[in-house]
Protein backbone atom coordinates (compact mmCIF):
# COMPACT_ATOMS: atom_id res chain seq x y z
CA UNK A 1 81.93 51.15 98.91
CA UNK A 2 82.70 51.13 95.21
CA UNK A 3 86.02 52.45 93.87
CA UNK A 4 84.11 55.10 91.91
CA UNK A 5 82.38 56.31 95.08
CA UNK A 6 85.69 56.38 96.97
CA UNK A 7 87.33 58.37 94.16
CA UNK A 8 84.41 60.81 94.20
CA UNK A 9 84.74 61.21 97.99
CA UNK A 10 88.47 61.88 97.61
CA UNK A 11 87.78 64.44 94.85
CA UNK A 12 85.16 66.14 97.04
CA UNK A 13 87.58 66.26 100.01
CA UNK A 14 90.31 67.75 97.81
CA UNK A 15 87.88 70.26 96.29
CA UNK A 16 86.90 71.37 99.78
CA UNK A 17 90.53 71.63 100.94
CA UNK A 18 91.83 73.41 97.83
CA UNK A 19 88.68 75.25 96.66
CA UNK A 20 90.41 78.61 97.01
CA UNK A 21 93.18 77.77 94.51
CA UNK A 22 91.02 76.05 91.88
CA UNK A 23 89.98 78.03 88.82
CA UNK A 24 91.53 79.94 85.93
CA UNK A 25 94.53 82.25 86.12
CA UNK A 26 95.72 84.64 83.42
CA UNK A 27 99.49 84.84 83.02
CA UNK A 28 100.94 87.63 80.86
CA UNK A 29 104.45 87.39 79.43
CA UNK A 30 105.49 90.24 77.15
CA UNK A 31 102.80 90.13 74.44
CA UNK A 32 101.56 86.62 75.20
CA UNK A 33 98.64 85.83 77.46
CA UNK A 34 98.15 82.29 78.74
CA UNK A 35 95.19 81.07 80.80
CA UNK A 36 96.05 78.16 83.11
CA UNK A 37 93.25 76.19 84.75
CA UNK A 38 93.49 74.20 87.98
CA UNK A 39 90.92 71.53 88.90
CA UNK A 40 90.44 68.22 90.74
CA UNK A 41 90.01 64.97 88.88
CA UNK A 42 90.73 61.36 89.77
CA UNK A 43 91.87 62.22 93.29
CA UNK A 44 94.61 64.65 92.20
CA UNK A 45 94.95 68.36 91.47
CA UNK A 46 95.56 69.04 87.80
CA UNK A 47 96.71 72.13 85.98
CA UNK A 48 97.10 73.03 82.32
CA UNK A 49 97.06 75.92 79.90
CA UNK A 50 94.01 75.85 77.60
CA UNK A 51 94.26 73.03 75.06
CA UNK A 52 97.31 71.36 76.62
CA UNK A 53 97.74 68.06 78.41
CA UNK A 54 97.04 68.42 82.16
CA UNK A 55 99.82 67.78 84.67
CA UNK A 56 99.42 66.81 88.30
CA UNK A 57 100.33 69.53 90.76
CA UNK A 58 101.47 68.26 94.13
CA UNK A 59 101.08 70.15 97.41
CA UNK A 60 104.41 70.88 99.10
CA UNK A 61 104.40 69.42 102.62
CA UNK A 62 103.91 72.06 105.31
CA UNK A 63 103.33 74.89 102.81
CA UNK A 64 99.61 75.66 102.63
CA UNK A 65 99.49 77.33 99.22
CA UNK A 66 102.66 76.00 97.57
CA UNK A 67 102.68 73.29 94.93
CA UNK A 68 105.05 71.80 92.41
CA UNK A 69 104.59 70.10 89.07
CA UNK A 70 106.95 68.16 86.83
CA UNK A 71 106.00 68.97 83.25
CA UNK A 72 108.06 67.09 80.67
CA UNK A 73 111.09 67.11 82.96
CA UNK A 74 110.80 70.78 83.95
CA UNK A 75 109.97 71.60 87.57
CA UNK A 76 107.33 74.25 88.12
CA UNK A 77 106.80 75.86 91.52
CA UNK A 78 103.38 77.37 92.12
CA UNK A 79 102.60 79.71 95.00
CA UNK A 80 99.04 80.93 95.39
CA UNK A 81 98.74 84.39 96.95
CA UNK A 82 95.92 85.73 99.14
CA UNK A 83 94.80 89.33 99.40
CA UNK A 84 94.11 91.16 102.68
CA UNK A 85 90.67 89.54 102.95
CA UNK A 86 92.19 86.04 102.76
CA UNK A 87 90.96 85.30 99.23
CA UNK A 88 93.35 83.77 96.68
CA UNK A 89 93.78 86.36 93.91
CA UNK A 90 96.94 85.29 92.09
CA UNK A 91 99.47 82.55 91.43
CA UNK A 92 103.23 82.95 91.14
CA UNK A 93 104.73 80.38 88.77
CA UNK A 94 108.48 79.83 88.85
CA UNK A 95 110.18 77.73 86.16
CA UNK A 96 113.88 77.79 85.26
CA UNK A 97 114.53 80.97 87.32
CA UNK A 98 111.70 82.75 85.48
CA UNK A 99 108.86 84.10 87.61
CA UNK A 100 105.44 84.88 86.16
CA UNK A 101 102.41 86.07 88.11
CA UNK A 102 98.94 85.02 87.04
CA UNK A 103 95.79 86.83 88.11
CA UNK A 104 92.83 84.69 89.15
CA UNK A 105 89.90 85.22 86.82
CA UNK A 106 86.48 85.72 88.41
CA UNK A 107 83.79 83.34 87.25
């Protein structure tokens, strides 16, 4: 097994496990709108606003849809929220006691 193949298998396993949270979310703050994308690459989950450097988001042990990310020394908590049908429709981002909800964009 080559390292590239192993990395691809790990990416595929992560994509399967976290498929429901991957995608683009639109966060609105006052007059600003920011689209944050989440994807799998290199065996980790990454997230970033459009045009910015991606940061790794780490699953929180024992919390199915909760993640955290350290971005330039600031801790972000991400909680993905399901609707009644069990589909992830939004993400709550908490940073420095500020809470912003992002709506998942349909592809």
